[in-house]
Amino acid sequence: MNNSAKLPARLRFSKKLTLYSLLSLVVLYTATGLLAAPVNWTTLVVPCLTLLIFVPGILLHQARNFDWLCFVILLHFTVGVTNSMSPSSAWHDYVQTLLSVLVFVGAMMTSRWLKRWQAAHAHGLDHSSP
């Protein structure tokens, strides 16, 4: 199941959306963490690691990985919304919220379509769409 060329187009798109949004969120965390005056390594490393542990599962098309990513990204979304609504909000708080939404929607749809596609192939059906 490592060959993503055989995946339907919308499944490939949602997987790429999830992966690129997740990596963009890691880049955002890294950039804003390193640009802060006193670099706090805990607040820099923990959010990045909680996202990066999902990258191998995304690349291996593991549906359960996308399910768990949906749960974890809700924490990042909550932090983004809370920071966006505070009086001292910055532009990166809004970007964090937007990227969290993109990761959630992409992971949710990838999980749904991937499970449907895997079930169709498990039963011997060769449908190209999930």
N, C-alpha and C. Protein backbone atom coordinates (compact mmCIF):
# COMPACT_ATOMS: atom_id res chain seq x y z
N MET A 1 0.81 -1.18 0.00
CA MET A 1 0.00 0.00 0.00
C MET A 1 0.86 1.26 0.00
N ASN A 2 2.12 1.13 -0.26
CA ASN A 2 3.01 2.27 -0.27
C ASN A 2 3.00 3.02 -1.59
N ASN A 3 2.32 2.48 -2.58
CA ASN A 3 2.31 3.12 -3.89
C ASN A 3 1.14 4.11 -3.95
N SER A 4 1.45 5.40 -3.81
CA SER A 4 0.38 6.39 -3.81
C SER A 4 -0.12 6.71 -5.22
N ALA A 5 0.54 6.19 -6.25
CA ALA A 5 0.07 6.43 -7.62
C ALA A 5 -1.24 5.70 -7.87
N LYS A 6 -1.52 4.62 -7.14
CA LYS A 6 -2.75 3.87 -7.32
C LYS A 6 -3.92 4.44 -6.52
N LEU A 7 -3.64 5.40 -5.66
CA LEU A 7 -4.70 6.00 -4.87
C LEU A 7 -5.54 6.92 -5.75
N PRO A 8 -6.83 7.03 -5.45
CA PRO A 8 -7.69 7.96 -6.20
C PRO A 8 -7.21 9.41 -6.03
N ALA A 9 -7.58 10.25 -6.96
CA ALA A 9 -7.08 11.64 -7.00
C ALA A 9 -7.45 12.42 -5.74
N ARG A 10 -8.71 12.32 -5.30
CA ARG A 10 -9.09 13.10 -4.12
C ARG A 10 -8.43 12.58 -2.85
N LEU A 11 -8.12 11.31 -2.80
CA LEU A 11 -7.40 10.76 -1.66
C LEU A 11 -5.95 11.25 -1.66
N ARG A 12 -5.34 11.28 -2.84
CA ARG A 12 -3.98 11.83 -2.92
C ARG A 12 -3.96 13.30 -2.54
N PHE A 13 -4.97 14.06 -2.99
CA PHE A 13 -5.04 15.49 -2.68
C PHE A 13 -5.20 15.72 -1.18
N SER A 14 -6.11 14.99 -0.54
CA SER A 14 -6.33 15.20 0.89
C SER A 14 -5.12 14.77 1.71
N LYS A 15 -4.43 13.75 1.25
CA LYS A 15 -3.20 13.32 1.95
C LYS A 15 -2.13 14.40 1.83
N LYS A 16 -1.97 14.97 0.62
CA LYS A 16 -0.98 16.04 0.43
C LYS A 16 -1.37 17.29 1.22
N LEU A 17 -2.66 17.61 1.25
CA LEU A 17 -3.13 18.75 2.03
C LEU A 17 -2.78 18.57 3.50
N THR A 18 -3.01 17.38 4.01
CA THR A 18 -2.70 17.08 5.41
C THR A 18 -1.21 17.20 5.67
N LEU A 19 -0.42 16.58 4.83
CA LEU A 19 1.03 16.57 5.04
C LEU A 19 1.62 17.97 4.93
N TYR A 20 1.27 18.70 3.90
CA TYR A 20 1.85 20.04 3.70
C TYR A 20 1.37 21.02 4.76
N SER A 21 0.12 20.91 5.18
CA SER A 21 -0.38 21.79 6.24
C SER A 21 0.30 21.47 7.57
N LEU A 22 0.50 20.19 7.82
CA LEU A 22 1.17 19.79 9.06
C LEU A 22 2.62 20.28 9.07
N LEU A 23 3.32 20.11 7.97
CA LEU A 23 4.71 20.57 7.90
C LEU A 23 4.78 22.10 7.96
N SER A 24 3.80 22.78 7.39
CA SER A 24 3.76 24.25 7.48
C SER A 24 3.55 24.69 8.92
N LEU A 25 2.75 23.95 9.66
CA LEU A 25 2.53 24.25 11.07
C LEU A 25 3.81 24.05 11.87
N VAL A 26 4.57 23.01 11.55
CA VAL A 26 5.86 22.78 12.22
C VAL A 26 6.83 23.92 11.89
N VAL A 27 6.85 24.35 10.64
CA VAL A 27 7.72 25.47 10.25
C VAL A 27 7.30 26.75 10.98
N LEU A 28 5.99 26.98 11.09
CA LEU A 28 5.50 28.15 11.81
C LEU A 28 5.93 28.11 13.28
N TYR A 29 5.76 26.96 13.92
CA TYR A 29 6.17 26.82 15.33
C TYR A 29 7.67 27.06 15.47
N THR A 30 8.44 26.51 14.56
CA THR A 30 9.90 26.66 14.62
C THR A 30 10.30 28.12 14.41
N ALA A 31 9.74 28.75 13.40
CA ALA A 31 10.11 30.14 13.10
C ALA A 31 9.72 31.08 14.24
N THR A 32 8.50 30.96 14.73
CA THR A 32 8.07 31.86 15.81
C THR A 32 8.79 31.54 17.11
N GLY A 33 9.13 30.28 17.33
CA GLY A 33 9.86 29.92 18.54
C GLY A 33 11.29 30.42 18.53
N LEU A 34 11.93 30.37 17.38
CA LEU A 34 13.32 30.82 17.29
C LEU A 34 13.44 32.33 17.22
N LEU A 35 12.40 33.01 16.75
CA LEU A 35 12.43 34.46 16.66
C LEU A 35 12.06 35.14 17.98
N ALA A 36 11.54 34.37 18.91
CA ALA A 36 11.20 34.94 20.22
C ALA A 36 12.48 35.35 20.93
N ALA A 37 12.40 36.42 21.71
CA ALA A 37 13.61 36.95 22.38
C ALA A 37 14.29 35.90 23.26
N PRO A 38 13.64 35.40 24.29
CA PRO A 38 14.25 34.26 24.98
C PRO A 38 13.68 32.98 24.39
N VAL A 39 14.51 32.17 23.77
CA VAL A 39 14.04 30.94 23.14
C VAL A 39 13.73 29.92 24.23
N ASN A 40 12.47 29.53 24.31
CA ASN A 40 12.05 28.50 25.27
C ASN A 40 11.96 27.18 24.51
N TRP A 41 12.91 26.31 24.73
CA TRP A 41 13.02 25.08 23.95
C TRP A 41 11.86 24.12 24.19
N THR A 42 11.29 24.16 25.36
CA THR A 42 10.16 23.27 25.64
C THR A 42 8.95 23.64 24.79
N THR A 43 8.64 24.92 24.72
CA THR A 43 7.49 25.33 23.91
C THR A 43 7.78 25.28 22.42
N LEU A 44 9.04 25.10 22.07
CA LEU A 44 9.40 24.95 20.66
C LEU A 44 9.38 23.48 20.25
N VAL A 45 9.91 22.61 21.08
CA VAL A 45 10.07 21.20 20.72
C VAL A 45 8.79 20.40 20.89
N VAL A 46 8.06 20.61 21.96
CA VAL A 46 6.87 19.79 22.25
C VAL A 46 5.81 19.90 21.15
N PRO A 47 5.40 21.10 20.73
CA PRO A 47 4.39 21.14 19.65
C PRO A 47 4.89 20.52 18.34
N CYS A 48 6.16 20.71 18.05
CA CYS A 48 6.70 20.14 16.80
C CYS A 48 6.73 18.62 16.86
N LEU A 49 7.16 18.07 17.97
CA LEU A 49 7.23 16.61 18.09
C LEU A 49 5.86 15.96 18.09
N THR A 50 4.86 16.64 18.69
CA THR A 50 3.52 16.05 18.70
C THR A 50 2.93 15.98 17.29
N LEU A 51 3.46 16.78 16.38
CA LEU A 51 3.00 16.71 14.99
C LEU A 51 3.89 15.81 14.14
N LEU A 52 5.17 15.88 14.36
CA LEU A 52 6.10 15.12 13.52
C LEU A 52 5.99 13.60 13.71
N ILE A 53 5.47 13.16 14.84
CA ILE A 53 5.33 11.70 15.03
C ILE A 53 4.31 11.10 14.08
N PHE A 54 3.48 11.94 13.46
CA PHE A 54 2.46 11.44 12.53
C PHE A 54 2.95 11.34 11.09
N VAL A 55 4.07 11.94 10.78
CA VAL A 55 4.55 11.96 9.39
C VAL A 55 4.80 10.56 8.83
N PRO A 56 5.46 9.64 9.55
CA PRO A 56 5.64 8.29 8.97
C PRO A 56 4.32 7.60 8.65
N GLY A 57 3.33 7.72 9.51
CA GLY A 57 2.03 7.11 9.25
C GLY A 57 1.32 7.73 8.06
N ILE A 58 1.51 9.03 7.86
CA ILE A 58 0.92 9.69 6.69
C ILE A 58 1.56 9.14 5.43
N LEU A 59 2.87 9.00 5.44
CA LEU A 59 3.58 8.51 4.26
C LEU A 59 3.28 7.03 3.98
N LEU A 60 2.92 6.26 5.02
CA LEU A 60 2.62 4.84 4.85
C LEU A 60 1.12 4.56 4.67
N HIS A 61 0.31 5.61 4.55
CA HIS A 61 -1.14 5.47 4.32
C HIS A 61 -1.84 4.69 5.42
N GLN A 62 -1.55 4.97 6.67
CA GLN A 62 -2.20 4.28 7.78
C GLN A 62 -3.41 5.09 8.23
N ALA A 63 -4.59 4.52 8.04
CA ALA A 63 -5.83 5.24 8.33
C ALA A 63 -5.96 5.60 9.80
N ARG A 64 -5.55 4.72 10.69
CA ARG A 64 -5.65 5.00 12.11
C ARG A 64 -4.77 6.19 12.50
N ASN A 65 -3.66 6.36 11.82
CA ASN A 65 -2.78 7.50 12.05
C ASN A 65 -3.52 8.81 11.80
N PHE A 66 -4.31 8.86 10.74
CA PHE A 66 -5.09 10.07 10.43
C PHE A 66 -6.17 10.31 11.48
N ASP A 67 -6.74 9.22 12.02
CA ASP A 67 -7.73 9.36 13.10
C ASP A 67 -7.11 10.03 14.32
N TRP A 68 -5.95 9.54 14.73
CA TRP A 68 -5.28 10.10 15.90
C TRP A 68 -4.80 11.52 15.65
N LEU A 69 -4.39 11.81 14.44
CA LEU A 69 -3.97 13.16 14.11
C LEU A 69 -5.14 14.14 14.28
N CYS A 70 -6.34 13.72 13.94
CA CYS A 70 -7.51 14.58 14.15
C CYS A 70 -7.68 14.93 15.62
N PHE A 71 -7.46 13.97 16.51
CA PHE A 71 -7.57 14.25 17.95
C PHE A 71 -6.48 15.20 18.42
N VAL A 72 -5.26 14.96 18.01
CA VAL A 72 -4.13 15.76 18.47
C VAL A 72 -4.20 17.19 17.92
N ILE A 73 -4.63 17.34 16.69
CA ILE A 73 -4.65 18.68 16.09
C ILE A 73 -5.70 19.56 16.75
N LEU A 74 -6.68 18.97 17.39
CA LEU A 74 -7.67 19.77 18.11
C LEU A 74 -7.03 20.55 19.26
N LEU A 75 -6.00 19.98 19.87
CA LEU A 75 -5.27 20.71 20.92
C LEU A 75 -4.56 21.93 20.33
N HIS A 76 -3.95 21.75 19.17
CA HIS A 76 -3.27 22.86 18.50
C HIS A 76 -4.28 23.92 18.06
N PHE A 77 -5.44 23.48 17.61
CA PHE A 77 -6.51 24.41 17.22
C PHE A 77 -6.98 25.21 18.43
N THR A 78 -7.16 24.54 19.56
CA THR A 78 -7.61 25.22 20.77
C THR A 78 -6.61 26.28 21.21
N VAL A 79 -5.33 25.95 21.16
CA VAL A 79 -4.29 26.93 21.52
C VAL A 79 -4.31 28.10 20.54
N GLY A 80 -4.46 27.81 19.26
CA GLY A 80 -4.50 28.87 18.25
C GLY A 80 -5.67 29.81 18.44
N VAL A 81 -6.85 29.27 18.70
CA VAL A 81 -8.04 30.10 18.90
C VAL A 81 -7.91 30.92 20.18
N THR A 82 -7.43 30.29 21.24
CA THR A 82 -7.25 31.00 22.51
C THR A 82 -6.27 32.15 22.35
N ASN A 83 -5.15 31.89 21.68
CA ASN A 83 -4.16 32.95 21.46
C ASN A 83 -4.68 34.03 20.53
N SER A 84 -5.48 33.64 19.54
CA SER A 84 -6.03 34.62 18.59
C SER A 84 -7.01 35.57 19.27
N MET A 85 -7.72 35.09 20.25
CA MET A 85 -8.72 35.91 20.92
C MET A 85 -8.16 36.72 22.09
N SER A 86 -6.90 36.54 22.40
CA SER A 86 -6.31 37.31 23.50
C SER A 86 -5.96 38.71 23.02
N PRO A 87 -5.87 39.66 23.92
CA PRO A 87 -5.54 41.03 23.51
C PRO A 87 -4.14 41.16 22.90
N SER A 88 -3.26 40.25 23.22
CA SER A 88 -1.89 40.34 22.69
C SER A 88 -1.67 39.36 21.53
N SER A 89 -2.70 39.15 20.72
CA SER A 89 -2.58 38.19 19.62
C SER A 89 -1.66 38.74 18.54
N ALA A 90 -1.07 37.83 17.80
CA ALA A 90 -0.18 38.19 16.70
C ALA A 90 -0.64 37.46 15.44
N TRP A 91 -0.06 37.79 14.31
CA TRP A 91 -0.45 37.21 13.03
C TRP A 91 -0.28 35.70 13.01
N HIS A 92 0.75 35.19 13.70
CA HIS A 92 1.01 33.75 13.65
C HIS A 92 -0.04 32.94 14.40
N ASP A 93 -0.77 33.58 15.33
CA ASP A 93 -1.86 32.87 16.01
C ASP A 93 -3.00 32.57 15.04
N TYR A 94 -3.28 33.51 14.14
CA TYR A 94 -4.32 33.30 13.14
C TYR A 94 -3.88 32.26 12.10
N VAL A 95 -2.62 32.30 11.74
CA VAL A 95 -2.08 31.32 10.79
C VAL A 95 -2.10 29.92 11.42
N GLN A 96 -1.78 29.84 12.71
CA GLN A 96 -1.83 28.55 13.42
C GLN A 96 -3.25 27.99 13.40
N THR A 97 -4.23 28.84 13.64
CA THR A 97 -5.62 28.39 13.63
C THR A 97 -6.02 27.90 12.24
N LEU A 98 -5.66 28.65 11.22
CA LEU A 98 -5.99 28.26 9.84
C LEU A 98 -5.32 26.95 9.45
N LEU A 99 -4.04 26.80 9.77
CA LEU A 99 -3.33 25.57 9.42
C LEU A 99 -3.88 24.38 10.21
N SER A 100 -4.28 24.61 11.44
CA SER A 100 -4.89 23.53 12.24
C SER A 100 -6.19 23.05 11.63
N VAL A 101 -6.98 23.99 11.13
CA VAL A 101 -8.24 23.62 10.46
C VAL A 101 -7.94 22.81 9.20
N LEU A 102 -6.96 23.25 8.42
CA LEU A 102 -6.60 22.52 7.20
C LEU A 102 -6.11 21.10 7.51
N VAL A 103 -5.29 20.96 8.54
CA VAL A 103 -4.81 19.63 8.93
C VAL A 103 -5.98 18.76 9.36
N PHE A 104 -6.89 19.32 10.17
CA PHE A 104 -8.02 18.53 10.66
C PHE A 104 -8.91 18.06 9.52
N VAL A 105 -9.29 18.97 8.65
CA VAL A 105 -10.19 18.60 7.53
C VAL A 105 -9.50 17.62 6.60
N GLY A 106 -8.23 17.87 6.29
CA GLY A 106 -7.50 16.96 5.42
C GLY A 106 -7.35 15.57 6.02
N ALA A 107 -7.01 15.50 7.31
CA ALA A 107 -6.85 14.20 7.96
C ALA A 107 -8.18 13.47 8.08
N MET A 108 -9.24 14.20 8.38
CA MET A 108 -10.56 13.58 8.52
C MET A 108 -11.02 12.98 7.19
N MET A 109 -10.88 13.73 6.12
CA MET A 109 -11.31 13.24 4.82
C MET A 109 -10.39 12.12 4.31
N THR A 110 -9.10 12.25 4.57
CA THR A 110 -8.18 11.18 4.17
C THR A 110 -8.52 9.89 4.88
N SER A 111 -8.79 9.98 6.17
CA SER A 111 -9.14 8.79 6.94
C SER A 111 -10.39 8.13 6.37
N ARG A 112 -11.39 8.92 6.11
CA ARG A 112 -12.65 8.39 5.60
C ARG A 112 -12.46 7.72 4.24
N TRP A 113 -11.83 8.45 3.32
CA TRP A 113 -11.65 7.92 1.97
C TRP A 113 -10.67 6.76 1.93
N LEU A 114 -9.65 6.80 2.78
CA LEU A 114 -8.67 5.71 2.81
C LEU A 114 -9.30 4.43 3.34
N LYS A 115 -10.12 4.52 4.38
CA LYS A 115 -10.81 3.34 4.91
C LYS A 115 -11.75 2.74 3.87
N ARG A 116 -12.45 3.60 3.16
CA ARG A 116 -13.37 3.12 2.13
C ARG A 116 -12.60 2.46 0.99
N TRP A 117 -11.48 3.07 0.60
CA TRP A 117 -10.65 2.53 -0.48
C TRP A 117 -10.03 1.19 -0.07
N GLN A 118 -9.55 1.10 1.18
CA GLN A 118 -8.97 -0.15 1.67
C GLN A 118 -10.02 -1.25 1.77
N ALA A 119 -11.23 -0.90 2.19
CA ALA A 119 -12.29 -1.90 2.27
C ALA A 119 -12.67 -2.41 0.88
N ALA A 120 -12.70 -1.52 -0.09
CA ALA A 120 -13.03 -1.93 -1.46
C ALA A 120 -11.96 -2.88 -2.00
N HIS A 121 -10.69 -2.59 -1.70
CA HIS A 121 -9.62 -3.47 -2.18
C HIS A 121 -9.54 -4.77 -1.39
N ALA A 122 -9.98 -4.77 -0.15
CA ALA A 122 -9.98 -5.99 0.64
C ALA A 122 -11.05 -6.97 0.13
N HIS A 123 -12.10 -6.43 -0.46
CA HIS A 123 -13.18 -7.28 -0.99
C HIS A 123 -12.98 -7.59 -2.47
N GLY A 124 -11.86 -7.19 -3.02
CA GLY A 124 -11.56 -7.50 -4.41
C GLY A 124 -12.15 -6.55 -5.40
N LEU A 125 -12.78 -5.50 -4.94
CA LEU A 125 -13.33 -4.52 -5.86
C LEU A 125 -12.20 -3.60 -6.29
N ASP A 126 -12.21 -3.23 -7.54
CA ASP A 126 -11.13 -2.38 -8.05
C ASP A 126 -11.70 -1.05 -8.51
N HIS A 127 -12.32 -0.34 -7.56
CA HIS A 127 -12.84 0.99 -7.87
C HIS A 127 -11.75 2.01 -7.68
N SER A 128 -11.65 2.93 -8.61
CA SER A 128 -10.60 3.94 -8.49
C SER A 128 -11.01 5.07 -7.56
N SER A 129 -12.31 5.24 -7.31
CA SER A 129 -12.72 6.29 -6.38
C SER A 129 -13.16 5.66 -5.07
N PRO A 130 -12.91 6.37 -3.96
CA PRO A 130 -13.30 5.81 -2.66
C PRO A 130 -14.79 5.85 -2.44
